[in-house]
Amino acid sequence: ARDPAFVYAQPADLSGVTVATYGPSAVSKEI
């Protein structure tokens, strides 16, 4: 993340967040 205040601890923390990833890949399938 770029925002210094953002902390990830659980999937619910990504609610309302734009999440970017590379795909197709194992991680993109997960996300």
All heavy atoms as atom14 arrays in JSON, in Angstrom:
{
  "sequence": "ARDPAFVYAQPADLSGVTVATYGPSAVSKEI",
  "atom14_mask": [
    [1, 1, 1, 1, 1, 0, 0, 0, 0, 0, 0, 0, 0, 0],
    [1, 1, 1, 1, 1, 1, 1, 1, 1, 1, 1, 0, 0, 0],
    [1, 1, 1, 1, 1, 1, 1, 1, 0, 0, 0, 0, 0, 0],
    [1, 1, 1, 1, 1, 1, 1, 0, 0, 0, 0, 0, 0, 0],
    [1, 1, 1, 1, 1, 0, 0, 0, 0, 0, 0, 0, 0, 0],
    [1, 1, 1, 1, 1, 1, 1, 1, 1, 1, 1, 0, 0, 0],
    [1, 1, 1, 1, 1, 1, 1, 0, 0, 0, 0, 0, 0, 0],
    [1, 1, 1, 1, 1, 1, 1, 1, 1, 1, 1, 1, 0, 0],
    [1, 1, 1, 1, 1, 0, 0, 0, 0, 0, 0, 0, 0, 0],
    [1, 1, 1, 1, 1, 1, 1, 1, 1, 0, 0, 0, 0, 0],
    [1, 1, 1, 1, 1, 1, 1, 0, 0, 0, 0, 0, 0, 0],
    [1, 1, 1, 1, 1, 0, 0, 0, 0, 0, 0, 0, 0, 0],
    [1, 1, 1, 1, 1, 1, 1, 1, 0, 0, 0, 0, 0, 0],
    [1, 1, 1, 1, 1, 1, 1, 1, 0, 0, 0, 0, 0, 0],
    [1, 1, 1, 1, 1, 1, 0, 0, 0, 0, 0, 0, 0, 0],
    [1, 1, 1, 1, 0, 0, 0, 0, 0, 0, 0, 0, 0, 0],
    [1, 1, 1, 1, 1, 1, 1, 0, 0, 0, 0, 0, 0, 0],
    [1, 1, 1, 1, 1, 1, 1, 0, 0, 0, 0, 0, 0, 0],
    [1, 1, 1, 1, 1, 1, 1, 0, 0, 0, 0, 0, 0, 0],
    [1, 1, 1, 1, 1, 0, 0, 0, 0, 0, 0, 0, 0, 0],
    [1, 1, 1, 1, 1, 1, 1, 0, 0, 0, 0, 0, 0, 0],
    [1, 1, 1, 1, 1, 1, 1, 1, 1, 1, 1, 1, 0, 0],
    [1, 1, 1, 1, 0, 0, 0, 0, 0, 0, 0, 0, 0, 0],
    [1, 1, 1, 1, 1, 1, 1, 0, 0, 0, 0, 0, 0, 0],
    [1, 1, 1, 1, 1, 1, 0, 0, 0, 0, 0, 0, 0, 0],
    [1, 1, 1, 1, 1, 0, 0, 0, 0, 0, 0, 0, 0, 0],
    [1, 1, 1, 1, 1, 1, 1, 0, 0, 0, 0, 0, 0, 0],
    [1, 1, 1, 1, 1, 1, 0, 0, 0, 0, 0, 0, 0, 0],
    [1, 1, 1, 1, 1, 1, 1, 1, 1, 0, 0, 0, 0, 0],
    [1, 1, 1, 1, 1, 1, 1, 1, 1, 0, 0, 0, 0, 0],
    [1, 1, 1, 1, 1, 1, 1, 1, 0, 0, 0, 0, 0, 0]
  ],
  "atom14_positions": [
    [[0.84, -1.2, 0.0], [0.0, 0.0, 0.0], [0.87, 1.25, 0.0], [2.06, 1.21, 0.37], [-0.93, 0.01, 1.21], [0.0, 0.0, 0.0], [0.0, 0.0, 0.0], [0.0, 0.0, 0.0], [0.0, 0.0, 0.0], [0.0, 0.0, 0.0], [0.0, 0.0, 0.0], [0.0, 0.0, 0.0], [0.0, 0.0, 0.0], [0.0, 0.0, 0.0]],
    [[0.26, 2.35, -0.4], [0.95, 3.65, -0.39], [0.55, 4.46, 0.84], [1.36, 5.21, 1.39], [0.58, 4.41, -1.67], [1.52, 5.52, -2.05], [1.16, 6.09, -3.39], [-0.22, 6.51, -3.47], [-0.67, 7.49, -4.23], [0.18, 8.16, -4.98], [-1.94, 7.82, -4.26], [0.0, 0.0, 0.0], [0.0, 0.0, 0.0], [0.0, 0.0, 0.0]],
    [[-0.68, 4.29, 1.29], [-1.19, 5.02, 2.45], [-0.51, 4.5, 3.71], [-0.68, 3.33, 4.08], [-2.7, 4.83, 2.54], [-3.33, 5.57, 3.72], [-2.58, 6.18, 4.51], [-4.57, 5.53, 3.84], [0.0, 0.0, 0.0], [0.0, 0.0, 0.0], [0.0, 0.0, 0.0], [0.0, 0.0, 0.0], [0.0, 0.0, 0.0], [0.0, 0.0, 0.0]],
    [[0.25, 5.32, 4.43], [0.95, 4.86, 5.64], [0.02, 4.43, 6.76], [0.44, 3.71, 7.67], [1.79, 6.06, 6.05], [1.12, 7.24, 5.43], [0.52, 6.75, 4.16], [0.0, 0.0, 0.0], [0.0, 0.0, 0.0], [0.0, 0.0, 0.0], [0.0, 0.0, 0.0], [0.0, 0.0, 0.0], [0.0, 0.0, 0.0], [0.0, 0.0, 0.0]],
    [[-1.25, 4.85, 6.69], [-2.19, 4.49, 7.75], [-2.9, 3.16, 7.49], [-3.53, 2.6, 8.4], [-3.24, 5.59, 7.91], [0.0, 0.0, 0.0], [0.0, 0.0, 0.0], [0.0, 0.0, 0.0], [0.0, 0.0, 0.0], [0.0, 0.0, 0.0], [0.0, 0.0, 0.0], [0.0, 0.0, 0.0], [0.0, 0.0, 0.0], [0.0, 0.0, 0.0]],
    [[-2.76, 2.64, 6.26], [-3.48, 1.4, 5.93], [-2.73, 0.18, 6.46], [-1.53, 0.01, 6.22], [-3.67, 1.27, 4.42], [-4.38, 0.01, 4.02], [-5.75, -0.11, 4.19], [-3.69, -1.08, 3.49], [-6.42, -1.28, 3.82], [-4.34, -2.24, 3.13], [-5.71, -2.34, 3.3], [0.0, 0.0, 0.0], [0.0, 0.0, 0.0], [0.0, 0.0, 0.0]],
    [[-3.44, -0.66, 7.19], [-2.87, -1.91, 7.73], [-3.79, -3.05, 7.33], [-5.01, -2.97, 7.5], [-2.72, -1.85, 9.27], [-2.23, -3.19, 9.8], [-1.78, -0.73, 9.68], [0.0, 0.0, 0.0], [0.0, 0.0, 0.0], [0.0, 0.0, 0.0], [0.0, 0.0, 0.0], [0.0, 0.0, 0.0], [0.0, 0.0, 0.0], [0.0, 0.0, 0.0]],
    [[-3.19, -4.13, 6.81], [-3.98, -5.31, 6.46], [-3.78, -6.39, 7.52], [-2.65, -6.76, 7.83], [-3.58, -5.87, 5.1], [-4.31, -7.16, 4.79], [-5.6, -7.14, 4.26], [-3.74, -8.4, 5.08], [-6.29, -8.31, 4.02], [-4.42, -9.58, 4.84], [-5.7, -9.53, 4.32], [-6.39, -10.69, 4.09], [0.0, 0.0, 0.0], [0.0, 0.0, 0.0]],
    [[-4.89, -6.88, 8.08], [-4.84, -7.98, 9.04], [-5.81, -9.09, 8.69], [-5.59, -10.25, 9.07], [-5.13, -7.46, 10.44], [0.0, 0.0, 0.0], [0.0, 0.0, 0.0], [0.0, 0.0, 0.0], [0.0, 0.0, 0.0], [0.0, 0.0, 0.0], [0.0, 0.0, 0.0], [0.0, 0.0, 0.0], [0.0, 0.0, 0.0], [0.0, 0.0, 0.0]],
    [[-6.87, -8.78, 7.95], [-7.89, -9.76, 7.59], [-8.58, -9.32, 6.31], [-8.53, -8.13, 5.95], [-8.9, -9.9, 8.73], [-9.6, -8.6, 9.08], [-10.49, -8.73, 10.28], [-10.81, -9.82, 10.73], [-10.93, -7.6, 10.83], [0.0, 0.0, 0.0], [0.0, 0.0, 0.0], [0.0, 0.0, 0.0], [0.0, 0.0, 0.0], [0.0, 0.0, 0.0]],
    [[-9.22, -10.25, 5.58], [-9.87, -9.89, 4.31], [-10.85, -8.72, 4.41], [-10.96, -7.93, 3.47], [-10.6, -11.2, 3.94], [-9.76, -12.27, 4.53], [-9.27, -11.7, 5.83], [0.0, 0.0, 0.0], [0.0, 0.0, 0.0], [0.0, 0.0, 0.0], [0.0, 0.0, 0.0], [0.0, 0.0, 0.0], [0.0, 0.0, 0.0], [0.0, 0.0, 0.0]],
    [[-11.55, -8.59, 5.55], [-12.52, -7.5, 5.7], [-11.85, -6.13, 5.58], [-12.52, -5.14, 5.25], [-13.23, -7.62, 7.04], [0.0, 0.0, 0.0], [0.0, 0.0, 0.0], [0.0, 0.0, 0.0], [0.0, 0.0, 0.0], [0.0, 0.0, 0.0], [0.0, 0.0, 0.0], [0.0, 0.0, 0.0], [0.0, 0.0, 0.0], [0.0, 0.0, 0.0]],
    [[-10.53, -6.07, 5.8], [-9.82, -4.79, 5.69], [-9.77, -4.28, 4.26], [-9.43, -3.11, 4.02], [-8.39, -4.93, 6.23], [-8.36, -5.22, 7.72], [-9.3, -4.81, 8.42], [-7.39, -5.87, 8.17], [0.0, 0.0, 0.0], [0.0, 0.0, 0.0], [0.0, 0.0, 0.0], [0.0, 0.0, 0.0], [0.0, 0.0, 0.0], [0.0, 0.0, 0.0]],
    [[-10.1, -5.15, 3.29], [-10.07, -4.75, 1.88], [-11.43, -4.28, 1.39], [-11.59, -3.96, 0.21], [-9.58, -5.93, 1.02], [-8.14, -6.4, 1.3], [-7.81, -7.62, 0.46], [-7.13, -5.27, 1.03], [0.0, 0.0, 0.0], [0.0, 0.0, 0.0], [0.0, 0.0, 0.0], [0.0, 0.0, 0.0], [0.0, 0.0, 0.0], [0.0, 0.0, 0.0]],
    [[-12.4, -4.22, 2.26], [-13.73, -3.71, 1.89], [-13.61, -2.24, 1.47], [-13.02, -1.42, 2.19], [-14.7, -3.84, 3.07], [-15.97, -3.33, 2.71], [0.0, 0.0, 0.0], [0.0, 0.0, 0.0], [0.0, 0.0, 0.0], [0.0, 0.0, 0.0], [0.0, 0.0, 0.0], [0.0, 0.0, 0.0], [0.0, 0.0, 0.0], [0.0, 0.0, 0.0]],
    [[-14.13, -1.93, 0.3], [-14.06, -0.57, -0.21], [-12.73, -0.2, -0.83], [-12.52, 0.95, -1.22], [0.0, 0.0, 0.0], [0.0, 0.0, 0.0], [0.0, 0.0, 0.0], [0.0, 0.0, 0.0], [0.0, 0.0, 0.0], [0.0, 0.0, 0.0], [0.0, 0.0, 0.0], [0.0, 0.0, 0.0], [0.0, 0.0, 0.0], [0.0, 0.0, 0.0]],
    [[-11.82, -1.17, -0.95], [-10.47, -0.92, -1.47], [-10.34, -1.41, -2.91], [-10.89, -2.45, -3.26], [-9.41, -1.62, -0.58], [-8.0, -1.43, -1.14], [-9.49, -1.1, 0.85], [0.0, 0.0, 0.0], [0.0, 0.0, 0.0], [0.0, 0.0, 0.0], [0.0, 0.0, 0.0], [0.0, 0.0, 0.0], [0.0, 0.0, 0.0], [0.0, 0.0, 0.0]],
    [[-9.63, -0.66, -3.73], [-9.25, -1.14, -5.07], [-8.0, -1.99, -4.91], [-6.96, -1.5, -4.45], [-8.95, 0.03, -6.02], [-10.1, 0.88, -6.12], [-8.58, -0.48, -7.4], [0.0, 0.0, 0.0], [0.0, 0.0, 0.0], [0.0, 0.0, 0.0], [0.0, 0.0, 0.0], [0.0, 0.0, 0.0], [0.0, 0.0, 0.0], [0.0, 0.0, 0.0]],
    [[-8.1, -3.27, -5.26], [-6.99, -4.2, -5.09], [-6.47, -4.61, -6.46], [-7.21, -5.16, -7.28], [-7.41, -5.45, -4.29], [-6.23, -6.4, -4.14], [-7.94, -5.05, -2.93], [0.0, 0.0, 0.0], [0.0, 0.0, 0.0], [0.0, 0.0, 0.0], [0.0, 0.0, 0.0], [0.0, 0.0, 0.0], [0.0, 0.0, 0.0], [0.0, 0.0, 0.0]],
    [[-5.2, -4.33, -6.72], [-4.58, -4.67, -7.99], [-3.68, -5.88, -7.83], [-3.04, -6.07, -6.79], [-3.76, -3.49, -8.51], [0.0, 0.0, 0.0], [0.0, 0.0, 0.0], [0.0, 0.0, 0.0], [0.0, 0.0, 0.0], [0.0, 0.0, 0.0], [0.0, 0.0, 0.0], [0.0, 0.0, 0.0], [0.0, 0.0, 0.0], [0.0, 0.0, 0.0]],
    [[-3.65, -6.72, -8.85], [-2.79, -7.89, -8.84], [-2.46, -8.28, -10.28], [-3.03, -7.74, -11.23], [-3.44, -9.06, -8.09], [-2.48, -10.1, -7.89], [-4.63, -9.63, -8.86], [0.0, 0.0, 0.0], [0.0, 0.0, 0.0], [0.0, 0.0, 0.0], [0.0, 0.0, 0.0], [0.0, 0.0, 0.0], [0.0, 0.0, 0.0], [0.0, 0.0, 0.0]],
    [[-1.53, -9.2, -10.42], [-1.11, -9.67, -11.73], [-1.79, -10.98, -12.06], [-1.93, -11.86, -11.2], [0.42, -9.83, -11.74], [0.95, -10.88, -12.67], [0.83, -10.73, -14.05], [1.57, -12.03, -12.2], [1.32, -11.69, -14.92], [2.07, -13.0, -13.05], [1.94, -12.82, -14.41], [2.41, -13.78, -15.26], [0.0, 0.0, 0.0], [0.0, 0.0, 0.0]],
    [[-2.24, -11.14, -13.31], [-2.89, -12.38, -13.67], [-2.85, -12.64, -15.17], [-2.5, -11.76, -15.95], [0.0, 0.0, 0.0], [0.0, 0.0, 0.0], [0.0, 0.0, 0.0], [0.0, 0.0, 0.0], [0.0, 0.0, 0.0], [0.0, 0.0, 0.0], [0.0, 0.0, 0.0], [0.0, 0.0, 0.0], [0.0, 0.0, 0.0], [0.0, 0.0, 0.0]],
    [[-3.18, -13.87, -15.57], [-3.64, -14.94, -14.68], [-2.5, -15.52, -13.86], [-1.41, -15.73, -14.36], [-4.2, -15.98, -15.65], [-3.42, -15.78, -16.92], [-3.14, -14.31, -17.0], [0.0, 0.0, 0.0], [0.0, 0.0, 0.0], [0.0, 0.0, 0.0], [0.0, 0.0, 0.0], [0.0, 0.0, 0.0], [0.0, 0.0, 0.0], [0.0, 0.0, 0.0]],
    [[-2.78, -15.78, -12.61], [-1.78, -16.32, -11.69], [-2.5, -16.92, -10.5], [-3.71, -16.75, -10.34], [-0.83, -15.21, -11.23], [-1.54, -14.25, -10.47], [0.0, 0.0, 0.0], [0.0, 0.0, 0.0], [0.0, 0.0, 0.0], [0.0, 0.0, 0.0], [0.0, 0.0, 0.0], [0.0, 0.0, 0.0], [0.0, 0.0, 0.0], [0.0, 0.0, 0.0]],
    [[-1.74, -17.61, -9.65], [-2.33, -18.2, -8.45], [-2.89, -17.13, -7.54], [-3.97, -17.27, -6.97], [-1.28, -19.03, -7.71], [0.0, 0.0, 0.0], [0.0, 0.0, 0.0], [0.0, 0.0, 0.0], [0.0, 0.0, 0.0], [0.0, 0.0, 0.0], [0.0, 0.0, 0.0], [0.0, 0.0, 0.0], [0.0, 0.0, 0.0], [0.0, 0.0, 0.0]],
    [[-2.15, -16.0, -7.42], [-2.62, -14.95, -6.53], [-3.84, -14.24, -7.11], [-4.76, -13.87, -6.37], [-1.49, -13.94, -6.2], [-1.07, -13.16, -7.43], [-1.93, -13.0, -5.09], [0.0, 0.0, 0.0], [0.0, 0.0, 0.0], [0.0, 0.0, 0.0], [0.0, 0.0, 0.0], [0.0, 0.0, 0.0], [0.0, 0.0, 0.0], [0.0, 0.0, 0.0]],
    [[-3.91, -14.07, -8.43], [-5.08, -13.41, -9.01], [-6.33, -14.25, -8.82], [-7.42, -13.72, -8.58], [-4.87, -13.11, -10.49], [-4.84, -14.28, -11.28], [0.0, 0.0, 0.0], [0.0, 0.0, 0.0], [0.0, 0.0, 0.0], [0.0, 0.0, 0.0], [0.0, 0.0, 0.0], [0.0, 0.0, 0.0], [0.0, 0.0, 0.0], [0.0, 0.0, 0.0]],
    [[-6.18, -15.58, -8.88], [-7.33, -16.46, -8.63], [-7.79, -16.31, -7.18], [-8.99, -16.26, -6.9], [-6.98, -17.91, -8.93], [-8.18, -18.85, -8.84], [-7.8, -20.27, -9.16], [-9.03, -21.17, -9.21], [-9.89, -21.09, -8.03], [0.0, 0.0, 0.0], [0.0, 0.0, 0.0], [0.0, 0.0, 0.0], [0.0, 0.0, 0.0], [0.0, 0.0, 0.0]],
    [[-6.83, -16.25, -6.28], [-7.16, -16.06, -4.86], [-7.95, -14.76, -4.65], [-8.96, -14.73, -3.95], [-5.87, -15.99, -4.03], [-5.12, -17.3, -3.93], [-5.41, -18.03, -2.62], [-6.09, -17.44, -1.75], [-4.95, -19.17, -2.49], [0.0, 0.0, 0.0], [0.0, 0.0, 0.0], [0.0, 0.0, 0.0], [0.0, 0.0, 0.0], [0.0, 0.0, 0.0]],
    [[-7.47, -13.69, -5.26], [-8.08, -12.38, -5.05], [-9.43, -12.28, -5.77], [-10.36, -11.63, -5.27], [-7.13, -11.25, -5.5], [-5.79, -11.37, -4.74], [-7.74, -9.89, -5.23], [-5.94, -11.4, -3.23], [0.0, 0.0, 0.0], [0.0, 0.0, 0.0], [0.0, 0.0, 0.0], [0.0, 0.0, 0.0], [0.0, 0.0, 0.0], [0.0, 0.0, 0.0]]
  ]
}
